[in-house]
PDB file of N, CA and C in Angstrom:
ATOM      1  N   MET A   1       0.839  -1.167   0.000  1.00  0.00           N
ATOM      2  CA  MET A   1       0.000   0.000   0.000  1.00  0.00           C
ATOM      3  C   MET A   1       0.890   1.238   0.000  1.00  0.00           C
ATOM      4  N   GLN A   2       0.495   2.234  -0.773  1.00  0.00           N
ATOM      5  CA  GLN A   2       1.194   3.513  -0.774  1.00  0.00           C
ATOM      6  C   GLN A   2       0.273   4.565  -0.174  1.00  0.00           C
ATOM      7  N   VAL A   3       0.847   5.421   0.653  1.00  0.00           N
ATOM      8  CA  VAL A   3       0.111   6.531   1.238  1.00  0.00           C
ATOM      9  C   VAL A   3       0.833   7.800   0.832  1.00  0.00           C
ATOM     10  N   PHE A   4       0.102   8.738   0.272  1.00  0.00           N
ATOM     11  CA  PHE A   4       0.687  10.012  -0.140  1.00  0.00           C
ATOM     12  C   PHE A   4       0.312  11.068   0.893  1.00  0.00           C
ATOM     13  N   ILE A   5       1.318  11.672   1.478  1.00  0.00           N
ATOM     14  CA  ILE A   5       1.097  12.747   2.444  1.00  0.00           C
ATOM     15  C   ILE A   5       1.639  14.019   1.823  1.00  0.00           C
ATOM     16  N   MET A   6       0.801  15.031   1.774  1.00  0.00           N
ATOM     17  CA  MET A   6       1.236  16.298   1.187  1.00  0.00           C
ATOM     18  C   MET A   6       0.627  17.462   1.946  1.00  0.00           C
ATOM     19  N   ARG A   7       1.233  18.587   1.773  1.00  0.00           N
ATOM     20  CA  ARG A   7       0.731  19.821   2.379  1.00  0.00           C
ATOM     21  C   ARG A   7       0.070  20.664   1.308  1.00  0.00           C
ATOM     22  N   HIS A   8      -0.638  21.654   1.752  1.00  0.00           N
ATOM     23  CA  HIS A   8      -1.239  22.603   0.816  1.00  0.00           C
ATOM     24  C   HIS A   8      -0.143  23.437   0.165  1.00  0.00           C
ATOM     25  N   GLY A   9      -0.473  24.114  -0.914  1.00  0.00           N
ATOM     26  CA  GLY A   9       0.480  25.008  -1.561  1.00  0.00           C
ATOM     27  C   GLY A   9       0.739  26.232  -0.692  1.00  0.00           C
ATOM     28  N   ASP A  10       1.769  26.976  -1.026  1.00  0.00           N
ATOM     29  CA  ASP A  10       2.142  28.190  -0.302  1.00  0.00           C
ATOM     30  C   ASP A  10       0.961  29.157  -0.263  1.00  0.00           C
ATOM     31  N   ALA A  11       0.637  29.672   0.925  1.00  0.00           N
ATOM     32  CA  ALA A  11      -0.515  30.564   1.088  1.00  0.00           C
ATOM     33  C   ALA A  11      -0.066  31.951   1.540  1.00  0.00           C
ATOM     34  N   ALA A  12      -0.914  32.931   1.274  1.00  0.00           N
ATOM     35  CA  ALA A  12      -0.647  34.309   1.677  1.00  0.00           C
ATOM     36  C   ALA A  12      -0.577  34.399   3.201  1.00  0.00           C
ATOM     37  N   LEU A  13       0.161  35.366   3.696  1.00  0.00           N
ATOM     38  CA  LEU A  13       0.332  35.517   5.139  1.00  0.00           C
ATOM     39  C   LEU A  13      -0.736  36.395   5.778  1.00  0.00           C
ATOM     40  N   ASP A  14      -1.303  37.308   5.018  1.00  0.00           N
ATOM     41  CA  ASP A  14      -2.204  38.310   5.590  1.00  0.00           C
ATOM     42  C   ASP A  14      -3.680  37.982   5.326  1.00  0.00           C
ATOM     43  N   ALA A  15      -4.280  37.257   6.251  1.00  0.00           N
ATOM     44  CA  ALA A  15      -5.697  36.929   6.136  1.00  0.00           C
ATOM     45  C   ALA A  15      -6.274  36.779   7.536  1.00  0.00           C
ATOM     46  N   ALA A  16      -7.579  36.973   7.635  1.00  0.00           N
ATOM     47  CA  ALA A  16      -8.249  36.899   8.934  1.00  0.00           C
ATOM     48  C   ALA A  16      -8.152  35.504   9.555  1.00  0.00           C
ATOM     49  N   SER A  17      -8.201  34.475   8.722  1.00  0.00           N
ATOM     50  CA  SER A  17      -8.088  33.106   9.236  1.00  0.00           C
ATOM     51  C   SER A  17      -7.543  32.198   8.141  1.00  0.00           C
ATOM     52  N   ASP A  18      -7.102  31.018   8.531  1.00  0.00           N
ATOM     53  CA  ASP A  18      -6.547  30.068   7.564  1.00  0.00           C
ATOM     54  C   ASP A  18      -7.553  29.689   6.487  1.00  0.00           C
ATOM     55  N   SER A  19      -8.821  29.627   6.847  1.00  0.00           N
ATOM     56  CA  SER A  19      -9.832  29.168   5.883  1.00  0.00           C
ATOM     57  C   SER A  19     -10.057  30.145   4.734  1.00  0.00           C
ATOM     58  N   VAL A  20      -9.599  31.379   4.873  1.00  0.00           N
ATOM     59  CA  VAL A  20      -9.790  32.357   3.793  1.00  0.00           C
ATOM     60  C   VAL A  20      -8.476  32.797   3.150  1.00  0.00           C
ATOM     61  N   ARG A  21      -7.358  32.188   3.558  1.00  0.00           N
ATOM     62  CA  ARG A  21      -6.067  32.561   2.970  1.00  0.00           C
ATOM     63  C   ARG A  21      -5.969  32.027   1.552  1.00  0.00           C
ATOM     64  N   PRO A  22      -5.746  32.906   0.579  1.00  0.00           N
ATOM     65  CA  PRO A  22      -5.588  32.427  -0.795  1.00  0.00           C
ATOM     66  C   PRO A  22      -4.186  31.865  -1.009  1.00  0.00           C
ATOM     67  N   LEU A  23      -4.056  31.020  -2.007  1.00  0.00           N
ATOM     68  CA  LEU A  23      -2.734  30.542  -2.390  1.00  0.00           C
ATOM     69  C   LEU A  23      -1.985  31.663  -3.100  1.00  0.00           C
ATOM     70  N   THR A  24      -0.679  31.699  -2.918  1.00  0.00           N
ATOM     71  CA  THR A  24       0.154  32.635  -3.662  1.00  0.00           C
ATOM     72  C   THR A  24       0.313  32.088  -5.082  1.00  0.00           C
ATOM     73  N   PRO A  25       0.834  32.894  -6.009  1.00  0.00           N
ATOM     74  CA  PRO A  25       1.100  32.353  -7.349  1.00  0.00           C
ATOM     75  C   PRO A  25       1.986  31.103  -7.289  1.00  0.00           C
ATOM     76  N   CYS A  26       2.974  31.101  -6.402  1.00  0.00           N
ATOM     77  CA  CYS A  26       3.831  29.920  -6.240  1.00  0.00           C
ATOM     78  C   CYS A  26       3.015  28.740  -5.716  1.00  0.00           C
ATOM     79  N   GLY A  27       2.118  28.986  -4.773  1.00  0.00           N
ATOM     80  CA  GLY A  27       1.267  27.935  -4.230  1.00  0.00           C
ATOM     81  C   GLY A  27       0.350  27.338  -5.284  1.00  0.00           C
ATOM     82  N   CYS A  28      -0.156  28.183  -6.185  1.00  0.00           N
ATOM     83  CA  CYS A  28      -0.988  27.686  -7.292  1.00  0.00           C
ATOM     84  C   CYS A  28      -0.163  26.779  -8.198  1.00  0.00           C
ATOM     85  N   ASP A  29       1.067  27.196  -8.495  1.00  0.00           N
ATOM     86  CA  ASP A  29       1.956  26.371  -9.328  1.00  0.00           C
ATOM     87  C   ASP A  29       2.257  25.038  -8.644  1.00  0.00           C
ATOM     88  N   GLU A  30       2.551  25.092  -7.338  1.00  0.00           N
ATOM     89  CA  GLU A  30       2.841  23.869  -6.590  1.00  0.00           C
ATOM     90  C   GLU A  30       1.650  22.911  -6.639  1.00  0.00           C
ATOM     91  N   SER A  31       0.456  23.453  -6.481  1.00  0.00           N
ATOM     92  CA  SER A  31      -0.757  22.621  -6.493  1.00  0.00           C
ATOM     93  C   SER A  31      -0.983  21.987  -7.855  1.00  0.00           C
ATOM     94  N   ARG A  32      -0.758  22.758  -8.916  1.00  0.00           N
ATOM     95  CA  ARG A  32      -0.909  22.213 -10.276  1.00  0.00           C
ATOM     96  C   ARG A  32       0.103  21.096 -10.535  1.00  0.00           C
ATOM     97  N   LEU A  33       1.348  21.317 -10.117  1.00  0.00           N
ATOM     98  CA  LEU A  33       2.380  20.291 -10.297  1.00  0.00           C
ATOM     99  C   LEU A  33       2.009  19.003  -9.562  1.00  0.00           C
ATOM    100  N   MET A  34       1.534  19.131  -8.328  1.00  0.00           N
ATOM    101  CA  MET A  34       1.161  17.950  -7.554  1.00  0.00           C
ATOM    102  C   MET A  34      -0.041  17.256  -8.178  1.00  0.00           C
ATOM    103  N   ALA A  35      -1.018  18.014  -8.655  1.00  0.00           N
ATOM    104  CA  ALA A  35      -2.193  17.417  -9.299  1.00  0.00           C
ATOM    105  C   ALA A  35      -1.774  16.623 -10.532  1.00  0.00           C
ATOM    106  N   ASN A  36      -0.880  17.184 -11.323  1.00  0.00           N
ATOM    107  CA  ASN A  36      -0.404  16.475 -12.519  1.00  0.00           C
ATOM    108  C   ASN A  36       0.370  15.218 -12.142  1.00  0.00           C
ATOM    109  N   TRP A  37       1.168  15.291 -11.091  1.00  0.00           N
ATOM    110  CA  TRP A  37       1.907  14.116 -10.643  1.00  0.00           C
ATOM    111  C   TRP A  37       0.938  13.032 -10.155  1.00  0.00           C
ATOM    112  N   LEU A  38      -0.067  13.432  -9.368  1.00  0.00           N
ATOM    113  CA  LEU A  38      -1.036  12.463  -8.845  1.00  0.00           C
ATOM    114  C   LEU A  38      -1.819  11.781  -9.957  1.00  0.00           C
ATOM    115  N   LYS A  39      -2.104  12.521 -11.033  1.00  0.00           N
ATOM    116  CA  LYS A  39      -2.823  11.925 -12.164  1.00  0.00           C
ATOM    117  C   LYS A  39      -2.067  10.739 -12.742  1.00  0.00           C
ATOM    118  N   GLY A  40      -0.748  10.759 -12.658  1.00  0.00           N
ATOM    119  CA  GLY A  40       0.069   9.695 -13.221  1.00  0.00           C
ATOM    120  C   GLY A  40       0.260   8.501 -12.299  1.00  0.00           C
ATOM    121  N   GLN A  41      -0.267   8.577 -11.074  1.00  0.00           N
ATOM    122  CA  GLN A  41      -0.102   7.490 -10.112  1.00  0.00           C
ATOM    123  C   GLN A  41      -1.217   6.456 -10.279  1.00  0.00           C
ATOM    124  N   THR A  42      -0.884   5.213 -10.045  1.00  0.00           N
ATOM    125  CA  THR A  42      -1.861   4.131 -10.119  1.00  0.00           C
ATOM    126  C   THR A  42      -2.544   3.973  -8.765  1.00  0.00           C
ATOM    127  N   VAL A  43      -3.866   3.964  -8.785  1.00  0.00           N
ATOM    128  CA  VAL A  43      -4.638   3.779  -7.557  1.00  0.00           C
ATOM    129  C   VAL A  43      -5.370   2.452  -7.649  1.00  0.00           C
ATOM    130  N   GLU A  44      -5.239   1.643  -6.630  1.00  0.00           N
ATOM    131  CA  GLU A  44      -5.904   0.330  -6.620  1.00  0.00           C
ATOM    132  C   GLU A  44      -7.205   0.379  -5.860  1.00  0.00           C
TER     133      GLU A  44
END
């Protein structure tokens, strides 16, 4: 069995709470890269 553990992409520092913090441009890129990598993984 494989388990993938990952964190969210880089988020902005200035927000009222974590639930409303937007991703930075770098965080958006990181998320896209991870999504593309996950698409290539085999899930049983």
